[in-house]
Amino acid sequence: MKTLALALIVLLCPIVASAADASTATHRYMIERTFPKGALDGLDAKAKQSVNATNAKFGVTWVTSYANADKTKTFCVYEGPNEDAIRKAAAANKIPVDSIVEVPVTLDPK
């Protein structure tokens, strides 16, 4: 009987671990934002540090951003537990969100 119980524990442990990992998994998102002209001109190291500190409160990480030539549109890659956390971090940072798309697949050009 002890052998059967041990076997069940060994078999079920990976299932329990997988379920726990799934609930805390990090997902990657692309966020599109629109800013008024000139709004990003003051984005210095201190401002970025503040954004990152606020993001951390929501379990969110700013990975990278791309901007158009006049810096009125950005396309930001973020990681976080879910879309709601991304939206809450943006609201706390007073940063606009036009759209959010989860991007779980990486397509490498090589």
PDB file of N, CA and C in Angstrom:
ATOM      1  N   MET A   1       0.819  -1.200   0.000  1.00  0.00           N
ATOM      2  CA  MET A   1       0.000   0.000   0.000  1.00  0.00           C
ATOM      3  C   MET A   1       0.863   1.265   0.000  1.00  0.00           C
ATOM      4  N   LYS A   2       1.967   1.244   0.786  1.00  0.00           N
ATOM      5  CA  LYS A   2       2.858   2.401   0.820  1.00  0.00           C
ATOM      6  C   LYS A   2       3.477   2.652  -0.551  1.00  0.00           C
ATOM      7  N   THR A   3       3.802   1.573  -1.257  1.00  0.00           N
ATOM      8  CA  THR A   3       4.402   1.701  -2.584  1.00  0.00           C
ATOM      9  C   THR A   3       3.431   2.360  -3.552  1.00  0.00           C
ATOM     10  N   LEU A   4       2.152   1.980  -3.480  1.00  0.00           N
ATOM     11  CA  LEU A   4       1.133   2.564  -4.349  1.00  0.00           C
ATOM     12  C   LEU A   4       0.962   4.053  -4.042  1.00  0.00           C
ATOM     13  N   ALA A   5       0.934   4.405  -2.757  1.00  0.00           N
ATOM     14  CA  ALA A   5       0.789   5.812  -2.369  1.00  0.00           C
ATOM     15  C   ALA A   5       1.979   6.623  -2.845  1.00  0.00           C
ATOM     16  N   LEU A   6       3.192   6.084  -2.698  1.00  0.00           N
ATOM     17  CA  LEU A   6       4.401   6.779  -3.151  1.00  0.00           C
ATOM     18  C   LEU A   6       4.372   6.960  -4.663  1.00  0.00           C
ATOM     19  N   ALA A   7       3.944   5.925  -5.376  1.00  0.00           N
ATOM     20  CA  ALA A   7       3.873   5.999  -6.836  1.00  0.00           C
ATOM     21  C   ALA A   7       2.893   7.084  -7.273  1.00  0.00           C
ATOM     22  N   LEU A   8       1.738   7.187  -6.586  1.00  0.00           N
ATOM     23  CA  LEU A   8       0.758   8.217  -6.930  1.00  0.00           C
ATOM     24  C   LEU A   8       1.308   9.615  -6.669  1.00  0.00           C
ATOM     25  N   ILE A   9       2.027   9.782  -5.570  1.00  0.00           N
ATOM     26  CA  ILE A   9       2.621  11.086  -5.265  1.00  0.00           C
ATOM     27  C   ILE A   9       3.620  11.478  -6.342  1.00  0.00           C
ATOM     28  N   VAL A  10       4.470  10.544  -6.726  1.00  0.00           N
ATOM     29  CA  VAL A  10       5.482  10.813  -7.752  1.00  0.00           C
ATOM     30  C   VAL A  10       4.821  11.149  -9.083  1.00  0.00           C
ATOM     31  N   LEU A  11       3.747  10.444  -9.417  1.00  0.00           N
ATOM     32  CA  LEU A  11       3.062  10.703 -10.682  1.00  0.00           C
ATOM     33  C   LEU A  11       2.300  12.018 -10.675  1.00  0.00           C
ATOM     34  N   LEU A  12       1.720  12.400  -9.542  1.00  0.00           N
ATOM     35  CA  LEU A  12       0.890  13.602  -9.494  1.00  0.00           C
ATOM     36  C   LEU A  12       1.672  14.884  -9.263  1.00  0.00           C
ATOM     37  N   CYS A  13       2.861  14.822  -8.714  1.00  0.00           N
ATOM     38  CA  CYS A  13       3.644  16.027  -8.432  1.00  0.00           C
ATOM     39  C   CYS A  13       3.881  16.894  -9.664  1.00  0.00           C
ATOM     40  N   PRO A  14       4.270  16.320 -10.807  1.00  0.00           N
ATOM     41  CA  PRO A  14       4.463  17.177 -11.978  1.00  0.00           C
ATOM     42  C   PRO A  14       3.182  17.885 -12.422  1.00  0.00           C
ATOM     43  N   ILE A  15       2.024  17.248 -12.238  1.00  0.00           N
ATOM     44  CA  ILE A  15       0.756  17.868 -12.625  1.00  0.00           C
ATOM     45  C   ILE A  15       0.480  19.072 -11.733  1.00  0.00           C
ATOM     46  N   VAL A  16       0.691  18.920 -10.430  1.00  0.00           N
ATOM     47  CA  VAL A  16       0.481  20.023  -9.499  1.00  0.00           C
ATOM     48  C   VAL A  16       1.453  21.155  -9.790  1.00  0.00           C
ATOM     49  N   ALA A  17       2.721  20.829 -10.049  1.00  0.00           N
ATOM     50  CA  ALA A  17       3.726  21.851 -10.357  1.00  0.00           C
ATOM     51  C   ALA A  17       3.363  22.585 -11.643  1.00  0.00           C
ATOM     52  N   SER A  18       2.888  21.854 -12.656  1.00  0.00           N
ATOM     53  CA  SER A  18       2.523  22.495 -13.914  1.00  0.00           C
ATOM     54  C   SER A  18       1.374  23.462 -13.729  1.00  0.00           C
ATOM     55  N   ALA A  19       0.390  23.101 -12.921  1.00  0.00           N
ATOM     56  CA  ALA A  19      -0.745  23.980 -12.679  1.00  0.00           C
ATOM     57  C   ALA A  19      -0.294  25.246 -11.954  1.00  0.00           C
ATOM     58  N   ALA A  20       0.602  25.108 -10.999  1.00  0.00           N
ATOM     59  CA  ALA A  20       1.106  26.274 -10.270  1.00  0.00           C
ATOM     60  C   ALA A  20       1.919  27.167 -11.190  1.00  0.00           C
ATOM     61  N   ASP A  21       2.751  26.574 -12.048  1.00  0.00           N
ATOM     62  CA  ASP A  21       3.558  27.359 -12.982  1.00  0.00           C
ATOM     63  C   ASP A  21       2.687  28.126 -13.964  1.00  0.00           C
ATOM     64  N   ALA A  22       1.590  27.513 -14.401  1.00  0.00           N
ATOM     65  CA  ALA A  22       0.714  28.158 -15.373  1.00  0.00           C
ATOM     66  C   ALA A  22       0.078  29.421 -14.796  1.00  0.00           C
ATOM     67  N   SER A  23      -0.239  29.411 -13.502  1.00  0.00           N
ATOM     68  CA  SER A  23      -0.903  30.568 -12.916  1.00  0.00           C
ATOM     69  C   SER A  23       0.052  31.740 -12.712  1.00  0.00           C
ATOM     70  N   THR A  24       1.360  31.487 -12.668  1.00  0.00           N
ATOM     71  CA  THR A  24       2.330  32.550 -12.462  1.00  0.00           C
ATOM     72  C   THR A  24       3.194  32.782 -13.707  1.00  0.00           C
ATOM     73  N   ALA A  25       2.787  32.218 -14.814  1.00  0.00           N
ATOM     74  CA  ALA A  25       3.572  32.332 -16.041  1.00  0.00           C
ATOM     75  C   ALA A  25       3.629  33.781 -16.517  1.00  0.00           C
ATOM     76  N   THR A  26       4.728  34.121 -17.138  1.00  0.00           N
ATOM     77  CA  THR A  26       4.885  35.442 -17.722  1.00  0.00           C
ATOM     78  C   THR A  26       4.507  35.362 -19.199  1.00  0.00           C
ATOM     79  N   HIS A  27       3.748  36.354 -19.635  1.00  0.00           N
ATOM     80  CA  HIS A  27       3.312  36.427 -21.025  1.00  0.00           C
ATOM     81  C   HIS A  27       3.899  37.689 -21.650  1.00  0.00           C
ATOM     82  N   ARG A  28       4.068  37.670 -22.966  1.00  0.00           N
ATOM     83  CA  ARG A  28       4.627  38.810 -23.686  1.00  0.00           C
ATOM     84  C   ARG A  28       3.505  39.519 -24.443  1.00  0.00           C
ATOM     85  N   TYR A  29       3.536  40.855 -24.400  1.00  0.00           N
ATOM     86  CA  TYR A  29       2.488  41.666 -25.024  1.00  0.00           C
ATOM     87  C   TYR A  29       3.108  42.788 -25.847  1.00  0.00           C
ATOM     88  N   MET A  30       2.400  43.173 -26.913  1.00  0.00           N
ATOM     89  CA  MET A  30       2.742  44.358 -27.700  1.00  0.00           C
ATOM     90  C   MET A  30       1.663  45.396 -27.399  1.00  0.00           C
ATOM     91  N   ILE A  31       2.100  46.561 -26.911  1.00  0.00           N
ATOM     92  CA  ILE A  31       1.174  47.624 -26.558  1.00  0.00           C
ATOM     93  C   ILE A  31       1.366  48.785 -27.530  1.00  0.00           C
ATOM     94  N   GLU A  32       0.290  49.200 -28.158  1.00  0.00           N
ATOM     95  CA  GLU A  32       0.321  50.369 -29.036  1.00  0.00           C
ATOM     96  C   GLU A  32      -0.200  51.564 -28.242  1.00  0.00           C
ATOM     97  N   ARG A  33       0.526  52.681 -28.339  1.00  0.00           N
ATOM     98  CA  ARG A  33       0.153  53.885 -27.586  1.00  0.00           C
ATOM     99  C   ARG A  33       0.215  55.104 -28.508  1.00  0.00           C
ATOM    100  N   THR A  34      -0.632  56.080 -28.247  1.00  0.00           N
ATOM    101  CA  THR A  34      -0.601  57.360 -28.959  1.00  0.00           C
ATOM    102  C   THR A  34      -0.357  58.461 -27.934  1.00  0.00           C
ATOM    103  N   PHE A  35       0.635  59.298 -28.212  1.00  0.00           N
ATOM    104  CA  PHE A  35       1.000  60.408 -27.329  1.00  0.00           C
ATOM    105  C   PHE A  35       0.844  61.725 -28.071  1.00  0.00           C
ATOM    106  N   PRO A  36       0.571  62.803 -27.338  1.00  0.00           N
ATOM    107  CA  PRO A  36       0.597  64.133 -27.971  1.00  0.00           C
ATOM    108  C   PRO A  36       2.027  64.454 -28.404  1.00  0.00           C
ATOM    109  N   LYS A  37       2.158  65.222 -29.471  1.00  0.00           N
ATOM    110  CA  LYS A  37       3.490  65.606 -29.954  1.00  0.00           C
ATOM    111  C   LYS A  37       4.269  66.284 -28.823  1.00  0.00           C
ATOM    112  N   GLY A  38       5.501  65.825 -28.606  1.00  0.00           N
ATOM    113  CA  GLY A  38       6.368  66.389 -27.585  1.00  0.00           C
ATOM    114  C   GLY A  38       6.271  65.712 -26.220  1.00  0.00           C
ATOM    115  N   ALA A  39       5.275  64.856 -26.025  1.00  0.00           N
ATOM    116  CA  ALA A  39       5.083  64.225 -24.713  1.00  0.00           C
ATOM    117  C   ALA A  39       6.250  63.329 -24.304  1.00  0.00           C
ATOM    118  N   LEU A  40       6.930  62.747 -25.267  1.00  0.00           N
ATOM    119  CA  LEU A  40       8.041  61.832 -24.950  1.00  0.00           C
ATOM    120  C   LEU A  40       9.399  62.537 -24.911  1.00  0.00           C
ATOM    121  N   ASP A  41       9.428  63.825 -25.165  1.00  0.00           N
ATOM    122  CA  ASP A  41      10.699  64.546 -25.190  1.00  0.00           C
ATOM    123  C   ASP A  41      11.411  64.538 -23.837  1.00  0.00           C
ATOM    124  N   GLY A  42      10.680  64.464 -22.742  1.00  0.00           N
ATOM    125  CA  GLY A  42      11.289  64.475 -21.414  1.00  0.00           C
ATOM    126  C   GLY A  42      11.532  63.093 -20.838  1.00  0.00           C
ATOM    127  N   LEU A  43      11.462  62.077 -21.678  1.00  0.00           N
ATOM    128  CA  LEU A  43      11.652  60.707 -21.202  1.00  0.00           C
ATOM    129  C   LEU A  43      13.140  60.439 -20.984  1.00  0.00           C
ATOM    130  N   ASP A  44      13.595  60.705 -19.764  1.00  0.00           N
ATOM    131  CA  ASP A  44      15.002  60.511 -19.422  1.00  0.00           C
ATOM    132  C   ASP A  44      15.159  59.287 -18.530  1.00  0.00           C
ATOM    133  N   ALA A  45      16.371  59.031 -18.078  1.00  0.00           N
ATOM    134  CA  ALA A  45      16.661  57.848 -17.258  1.00  0.00           C
ATOM    135  C   ALA A  45      15.828  57.828 -15.976  1.00  0.00           C
ATOM    136  N   LYS A  46      15.635  58.984 -15.363  1.00  0.00           N
ATOM    137  CA  LYS A  46      14.862  59.056 -14.118  1.00  0.00           C
ATOM    138  C   LYS A  46      13.399  58.690 -14.366  1.00  0.00           C
ATOM    139  N   ALA A  47      12.826  59.176 -15.463  1.00  0.00           N
ATOM    140  CA  ALA A  47      11.436  58.868 -15.806  1.00  0.00           C
ATOM    141  C   ALA A  47      11.281  57.378 -16.113  1.00  0.00           C
ATOM    142  N   LYS A  48      12.246  56.812 -16.835  1.00  0.00           N
ATOM    143  CA  LYS A  48      12.207  55.371 -17.145  1.00  0.00           C
ATOM    144  C   LYS A  48      12.301  54.548 -15.876  1.00  0.00           C
ATOM    145  N   GLN A  49      13.154  54.965 -14.961  1.00  0.00           N
ATOM    146  CA  GLN A  49      13.311  54.264 -13.687  1.00  0.00           C
ATOM    147  C   GLN A  49      11.996  54.293 -12.896  1.00  0.00           C
ATOM    148  N   SER A  50      11.301  55.413 -12.924  1.00  0.00           N
ATOM    149  CA  SER A  50      10.022  55.542 -12.244  1.00  0.00           C
ATOM    150  C   SER A  50       8.976  54.606 -12.861  1.00  0.00           C
ATOM    151  N   VAL A  51       8.922  54.560 -14.187  1.00  0.00           N
ATOM    152  CA  VAL A  51       7.995  53.665 -14.889  1.00  0.00           C
ATOM    153  C   VAL A  51       8.295  52.218 -14.506  1.00  0.00           C
ATOM    154  N   ASN A  52       9.572  51.849 -14.520  1.00  0.00           N
ATOM    155  CA  ASN A  52       9.955  50.474 -14.186  1.00  0.00           C
ATOM    156  C   ASN A  52       9.606  50.112 -12.752  1.00  0.00           C
ATOM    157  N   ALA A  53       9.767  51.041 -11.825  1.00  0.00           N
ATOM    158  CA  ALA A  53       9.443  50.781 -10.420  1.00  0.00           C
ATOM    159  C   ALA A  53       7.937  50.572 -10.248  1.00  0.00           C
ATOM    160  N   THR A  54       7.153  51.387 -10.921  1.00  0.00           N
ATOM    161  CA  THR A  54       5.698  51.236 -10.848  1.00  0.00           C
ATOM    162  C   THR A  54       5.271  49.928 -11.510  1.00  0.00           C
ATOM    163  N   ASN A  55       5.841  49.616 -12.664  1.00  0.00           N
ATOM    164  CA  ASN A  55       5.519  48.362 -13.346  1.00  0.00           C
ATOM    165  C   ASN A  55       5.756  47.162 -12.440  1.00  0.00           C
ATOM    166  N   ALA A  56       6.856  47.187 -11.701  1.00  0.00           N
ATOM    167  CA  ALA A  56       7.229  46.060 -10.838  1.00  0.00           C
ATOM    168  C   ALA A  56       6.154  45.774  -9.794  1.00  0.00           C
ATOM    169  N   LYS A  57       5.442  46.780  -9.361  1.00  0.00           N
ATOM    170  CA  LYS A  57       4.365  46.594  -8.383  1.00  0.00           C
ATOM    171  C   LYS A  57       3.248  45.710  -8.931  1.00  0.00           C
ATOM    172  N   PHE A  58       3.159  45.619 -10.250  1.00  0.00           N
ATOM    173  CA  PHE A  58       2.119  44.834 -10.912  1.00  0.00           C
ATOM    174  C   PHE A  58       2.683  43.558 -11.557  1.00  0.00           C
ATOM    175  N   GLY A  59       3.964  43.284 -11.308  1.00  0.00           N
ATOM    176  CA  GLY A  59       4.603  42.113 -11.902  1.00  0.00           C
ATOM    177  C   GLY A  59       4.855  42.266 -13.382  1.00  0.00           C
ATOM    178  N   VAL A  60       5.015  43.514 -13.834  1.00  0.00           N
ATOM    179  CA  VAL A  60       5.149  43.842 -15.249  1.00  0.00           C
ATOM    180  C   VAL A  60       6.566  44.322 -15.529  1.00  0.00           C
ATOM    181  N   THR A  61       7.124  43.923 -16.688  1.00  0.00           N
ATOM    182  CA  THR A  61       8.459  44.343 -17.099  1.00  0.00           C
ATOM    183  C   THR A  61       8.393  44.975 -18.483  1.00  0.00           C
ATOM    184  N   TRP A  62       8.966  46.171 -18.604  1.00  0.00           N
ATOM    185  CA  TRP A  62       9.090  46.855 -19.891  1.00  0.00           C
ATOM    186  C   TRP A  62      10.322  46.271 -20.573  1.00  0.00           C
ATOM    187  N   VAL A  63      10.150  45.645 -21.725  1.00  0.00           N
ATOM    188  CA  VAL A  63      11.252  45.000 -22.440  1.00  0.00           C
ATOM    189  C   VAL A  63      11.917  45.972 -23.408  1.00  0.00           C
ATOM    190  N   THR A  64      11.132  46.555 -24.286  1.00  0.00           N
ATOM    191  CA  THR A  64      11.659  47.522 -25.257  1.00  0.00           C
ATOM    192  C   THR A  64      10.503  48.276 -25.892  1.00  0.00           C
ATOM    193  N   SER A  65      10.813  49.409 -26.504  1.00  0.00           N
ATOM    194  CA  SER A  65       9.793  50.192 -27.210  1.00  0.00           C
ATOM    195  C   SER A  65      10.360  50.721 -28.517  1.00  0.00           C
ATOM    196  N   TYR A  66       9.464  50.919 -29.463  1.00  0.00           N
ATOM    197  CA  TYR A  66       9.786  51.501 -30.762  1.00  0.00           C
ATOM    198  C   TYR A  66       8.854  52.694 -30.948  1.00  0.00           C
ATOM    199  N   ALA A  67       9.356  53.760 -31.553  1.00  0.00           N
ATOM    200  CA  ALA A  67       8.536  54.954 -31.774  1.00  0.00           C
ATOM    201  C   ALA A  67       8.615  55.368 -33.237  1.00  0.00           C
ATOM    202  N   ASN A  68       7.541  56.024 -33.697  1.00  0.00           N
ATOM    203  CA  ASN A  68       7.598  56.593 -35.041  1.00  0.00           C
ATOM    204  C   ASN A  68       8.468  57.849 -34.995  1.00  0.00           C
ATOM    205  N   ALA A  69       8.716  58.459 -36.155  1.00  0.00           N
ATOM    206  CA  ALA A  69       9.675  59.558 -36.261  1.00  0.00           C
ATOM    207  C   ALA A  69       9.326  60.760 -35.380  1.00  0.00           C
ATOM    208  N   ASP A  70       8.046  61.100 -35.276  1.00  0.00           N
ATOM    209  CA  ASP A  70       7.695  62.269 -34.458  1.00  0.00           C
ATOM    210  C   ASP A  70       7.327  61.890 -33.013  1.00  0.00           C
ATOM    211  N   LYS A  71       7.556  60.644 -32.644  1.00  0.00           N
ATOM    212  CA  LYS A  71       7.343  60.126 -31.280  1.00  0.00           C
ATOM    213  C   LYS A  71       5.916  60.348 -30.774  1.00  0.00           C
ATOM    214  N   THR A  72       4.949  60.190 -31.683  1.00  0.00           N
ATOM    215  CA  THR A  72       3.553  60.268 -31.257  1.00  0.00           C
ATOM    216  C   THR A  72       2.925  58.882 -31.140  1.00  0.00           C
ATOM    217  N   LYS A  73       3.585  57.877 -31.683  1.00  0.00           N
ATOM    218  CA  LYS A  73       3.124  56.491 -31.596  1.00  0.00           C
ATOM    219  C   LYS A  73       4.265  55.640 -31.073  1.00  0.00           C
ATOM    220  N   THR A  74       3.959  54.776 -30.106  1.00  0.00           N
ATOM    221  CA  THR A  74       4.957  53.807 -29.659  1.00  0.00           C
ATOM    222  C   THR A  74       4.366  52.417 -29.731  1.00  0.00           C
ATOM    223  N   PHE A  75       5.264  51.463 -29.896  1.00  0.00           N
ATOM    224  CA  PHE A  75       4.936  50.047 -29.913  1.00  0.00           C
ATOM    225  C   PHE A  75       5.871  49.406 -28.899  1.00  0.00           C
ATOM    226  N   CYS A  76       5.297  49.017 -27.767  1.00  0.00           N
ATOM    227  CA  CYS A  76       6.103  48.592 -26.625  1.00  0.00           C
ATOM    228  C   CYS A  76       5.928  47.105 -26.375  1.00  0.00           C
ATOM    229  N   VAL A  77       7.042  46.429 -26.109  1.00  0.00           N
ATOM    230  CA  VAL A  77       7.007  45.024 -25.730  1.00  0.00           C
ATOM    231  C   VAL A  77       7.130  44.964 -24.213  1.00  0.00           C
ATOM    232  N   TYR A  78       6.157  44.327 -23.606  1.00  0.00           N
ATOM    233  CA  TYR A  78       6.111  44.166 -22.153  1.00  0.00           C
ATOM    234  C   TYR A  78       5.935  42.692 -21.822  1.00  0.00           C
ATOM    235  N   GLU A  79       6.347  42.320 -20.617  1.00  0.00           N
ATOM    236  CA  GLU A  79       6.064  40.993 -20.097  1.00  0.00           C
ATOM    237  C   GLU A  79       5.322  41.159 -18.791  1.00  0.00           C
ATOM    238  N   GLY A  80       4.375  40.274 -18.549  1.00  0.00           N
ATOM    239  CA  GLY A  80       3.604  40.339 -17.321  1.00  0.00           C
ATOM    240  C   GLY A  80       2.702  39.139 -17.179  1.00  0.00           C
ATOM    241  N   PRO A  81       2.032  39.036 -16.045  1.00  0.00           N
ATOM    242  CA  PRO A  81       1.210  37.861 -15.782  1.00  0.00           C
ATOM    243  C   PRO A  81      -0.054  37.793 -16.634  1.00  0.00           C
ATOM    244  N   ASN A  82      -0.608  38.971 -17.012  1.00  0.00           N
ATOM    245  CA  ASN A  82      -1.836  38.988 -17.812  1.00  0.00           C
ATOM    246  C   ASN A  82      -2.069  40.413 -18.333  1.00  0.00           C
ATOM    247  N   GLU A  83      -3.043  40.529 -19.232  1.00  0.00           N
ATOM    248  CA  GLU A  83      -3.334  41.835 -19.839  1.00  0.00           C
ATOM    249  C   GLU A  83      -3.818  42.839 -18.795  1.00  0.00           C
ATOM    250  N   ASP A  84      -4.576  42.378 -17.824  1.00  0.00           N
ATOM    251  CA  ASP A  84      -5.084  43.269 -16.786  1.00  0.00           C
ATOM    252  C   ASP A  84      -3.942  43.938 -16.019  1.00  0.00           C
ATOM    253  N   ALA A  85      -2.891  43.173 -15.711  1.00  0.00           N
ATOM    254  CA  ALA A  85      -1.729  43.738 -15.008  1.00  0.00           C
ATOM    255  C   ALA A  85      -1.041  44.791 -15.866  1.00  0.00           C
ATOM    256  N   ILE A  86      -0.959  44.544 -17.165  1.00  0.00           N
ATOM    257  CA  ILE A  86      -0.354  45.517 -18.089  1.00  0.00           C
ATOM    258  C   ILE A  86      -1.174  46.815 -18.071  1.00  0.00           C
ATOM    259  N   ARG A  87      -2.496  46.688 -18.136  1.00  0.00           N
ATOM    260  CA  ARG A  87      -3.367  47.868 -18.129  1.00  0.00           C
ATOM    261  C   ARG A  87      -3.279  48.632 -16.798  1.00  0.00           C
ATOM    262  N   LYS A  88      -3.239  47.902 -15.689  1.00  0.00           N
ATOM    263  CA  LYS A  88      -3.145  48.548 -14.373  1.00  0.00           C
ATOM    264  C   LYS A  88      -1.819  49.296 -14.222  1.00  0.00           C
ATOM    265  N   ALA A  89      -0.733  48.690 -14.705  1.00  0.00           N
ATOM    266  CA  ALA A  89       0.573  49.361 -14.639  1.00  0.00           C
ATOM    267  C   ALA A  89       0.560  50.629 -15.488  1.00  0.00           C
ATOM    268  N   ALA A  90      -0.026  50.545 -16.671  1.00  0.00           N
ATOM    269  CA  ALA A  90      -0.110  51.727 -17.541  1.00  0.00           C
ATOM    270  C   ALA A  90      -0.927  52.829 -16.877  1.00  0.00           C
ATOM    271  N   ALA A  91      -2.045  52.466 -16.281  1.00  0.00           N
ATOM    272  CA  ALA A  91      -2.887  53.458 -15.598  1.00  0.00           C
ATOM    273  C   ALA A  91      -2.130  54.096 -14.435  1.00  0.00           C
ATOM    274  N   ALA A  92      -1.422  53.285 -13.668  1.00  0.00           N
ATOM    275  CA  ALA A  92      -0.653  53.811 -12.534  1.00  0.00           C
ATOM    276  C   ALA A  92       0.455  54.743 -12.998  1.00  0.00           C
ATOM    277  N   ASN A  93       1.015  54.477 -14.180  1.00  0.00           N
ATOM    278  CA  ASN A  93       2.057  55.334 -14.750  1.00  0.00           C
ATOM    279  C   ASN A  93       1.489  56.500 -15.557  1.00  0.00           C
ATOM    280  N   LYS A  94       0.167  56.537 -15.689  1.00  0.00           N
ATOM    281  CA  LYS A  94      -0.511  57.571 -16.488  1.00  0.00           C
ATOM    282  C   LYS A  94      -0.005  57.564 -17.931  1.00  0.00           C
ATOM    283  N   ILE A  95       0.114  56.344 -18.467  1.00  0.00           N
ATOM    284  CA  ILE A  95       0.569  56.146 -19.845  1.00  0.00           C
ATOM    285  C   ILE A  95      -0.609  55.583 -20.642  1.00  0.00           C
ATOM    286  N   PRO A  96      -0.885  56.143 -21.830  1.00  0.00           N
ATOM    287  CA  PRO A  96      -2.032  55.667 -22.610  1.00  0.00           C
ATOM    288  C   PRO A  96      -1.839  54.257 -23.163  1.00  0.00           C
ATOM    289  N   VAL A  97      -2.961  53.591 -23.415  1.00  0.00           N
ATOM    290  CA  VAL A  97      -2.963  52.280 -24.065  1.00  0.00           C
ATOM    291  C   VAL A  97      -4.026  52.325 -25.156  1.00  0.00           C
ATOM    292  N   ASP A  98      -3.605  52.168 -26.418  1.00  0.00           N
ATOM    293  CA  ASP A  98      -4.568  52.082 -27.521  1.00  0.00           C
ATOM    294  C   ASP A  98      -5.028  50.642 -27.698  1.00  0.00           C
ATOM    295  N   SER A  99      -4.052  49.738 -27.693  1.00  0.00           N
ATOM    296  CA  SER A  99      -4.379  48.322 -27.854  1.00  0.00           C
ATOM    297  C   SER A  99      -3.273  47.470 -27.236  1.00  0.00           C
ATOM    298  N   ILE A 100      -3.672  46.266 -26.855  1.00  0.00           N
ATOM    299  CA  ILE A 100      -2.730  45.283 -26.319  1.00  0.00           C
ATOM    300  C   ILE A 100      -2.989  43.965 -27.032  1.00  0.00           C
ATOM    301  N   VAL A 101      -1.920  43.356 -27.520  1.00  0.00           N
ATOM    302  CA  VAL A 101      -2.011  42.055 -28.168  1.00  0.00           C
ATOM    303  C   VAL A 101      -0.983  41.141 -27.526  1.00  0.00           C
ATOM    304  N   GLU A 102      -1.432  39.973 -27.083  1.00  0.00           N
ATOM    305  CA  GLU A 102      -0.464  39.003 -26.566  1.00  0.00           C
ATOM    306  C   GLU A 102       0.311  38.442 -27.750  1.00  0.00           C
ATOM    307  N   VAL A 103       1.633  38.368 -27.616  1.00  0.00           N
ATOM    308  CA  VAL A 103       2.493  37.866 -28.697  1.00  0.00           C
ATOM    309  C   VAL A 103       3.364  36.720 -28.148  1.00  0.00           C
ATOM    310  N   PRO A 104       2.790  35.531 -28.049  1.00  0.00           N
ATOM    311  CA  PRO A 104       3.514  34.417 -27.454  1.00  0.00           C
ATOM    312  C   PRO A 104       4.523  33.736 -28.389  1.00  0.00           C
ATOM    313  N   VAL A 105       4.466  34.047 -29.666  1.00  0.00           N
ATOM    314  CA  VAL A 105       5.314  33.354 -30.645  1.00  0.00           C
ATOM    315  C   VAL A 105       6.389  34.310 -31.151  1.00  0.00           C
ATOM    316  N   THR A 106       7.639  33.855 -31.132  1.00  0.00           N
ATOM    317  CA  THR A 106       8.748  34.618 -31.686  1.00  0.00           C
ATOM    318  C   THR A 106       9.106  34.034 -33.042  1.00  0.00           C
ATOM    319  N   LEU A 107       9.142  34.872 -34.055  1.00  0.00           N
ATOM    320  CA  LEU A 107       9.531  34.459 -35.397  1.00  0.00           C
ATOM    321  C   LEU A 107      10.902  35.058 -35.673  1.00  0.00           C
ATOM    322  N   ASP A 108      11.911  34.227 -35.707  1.00  0.00           N
ATOM    323  CA  ASP A 108      13.288  34.671 -35.908  1.00  0.00           C
ATOM    324  C   ASP A 108      13.593  34.693 -37.399  1.00  0.00           C
ATOM    325  N   PRO A 109      14.161  35.785 -37.917  1.00  0.00           N
ATOM    326  CA  PRO A 109      14.439  35.872 -39.350  1.00  0.00           C
ATOM    327  C   PRO A 109      15.568  34.955 -39.812  1.00  0.00           C
ATOM    328  N   LYS A 110      16.286  34.362 -38.892  1.00  0.00           N
ATOM    329  CA  LYS A 110      17.392  33.480 -39.286  1.00  0.00           C
ATOM    330  C   LYS A 110      16.942  32.083 -39.530  1.00  0.00           C
TER     331      LYS A 110
END
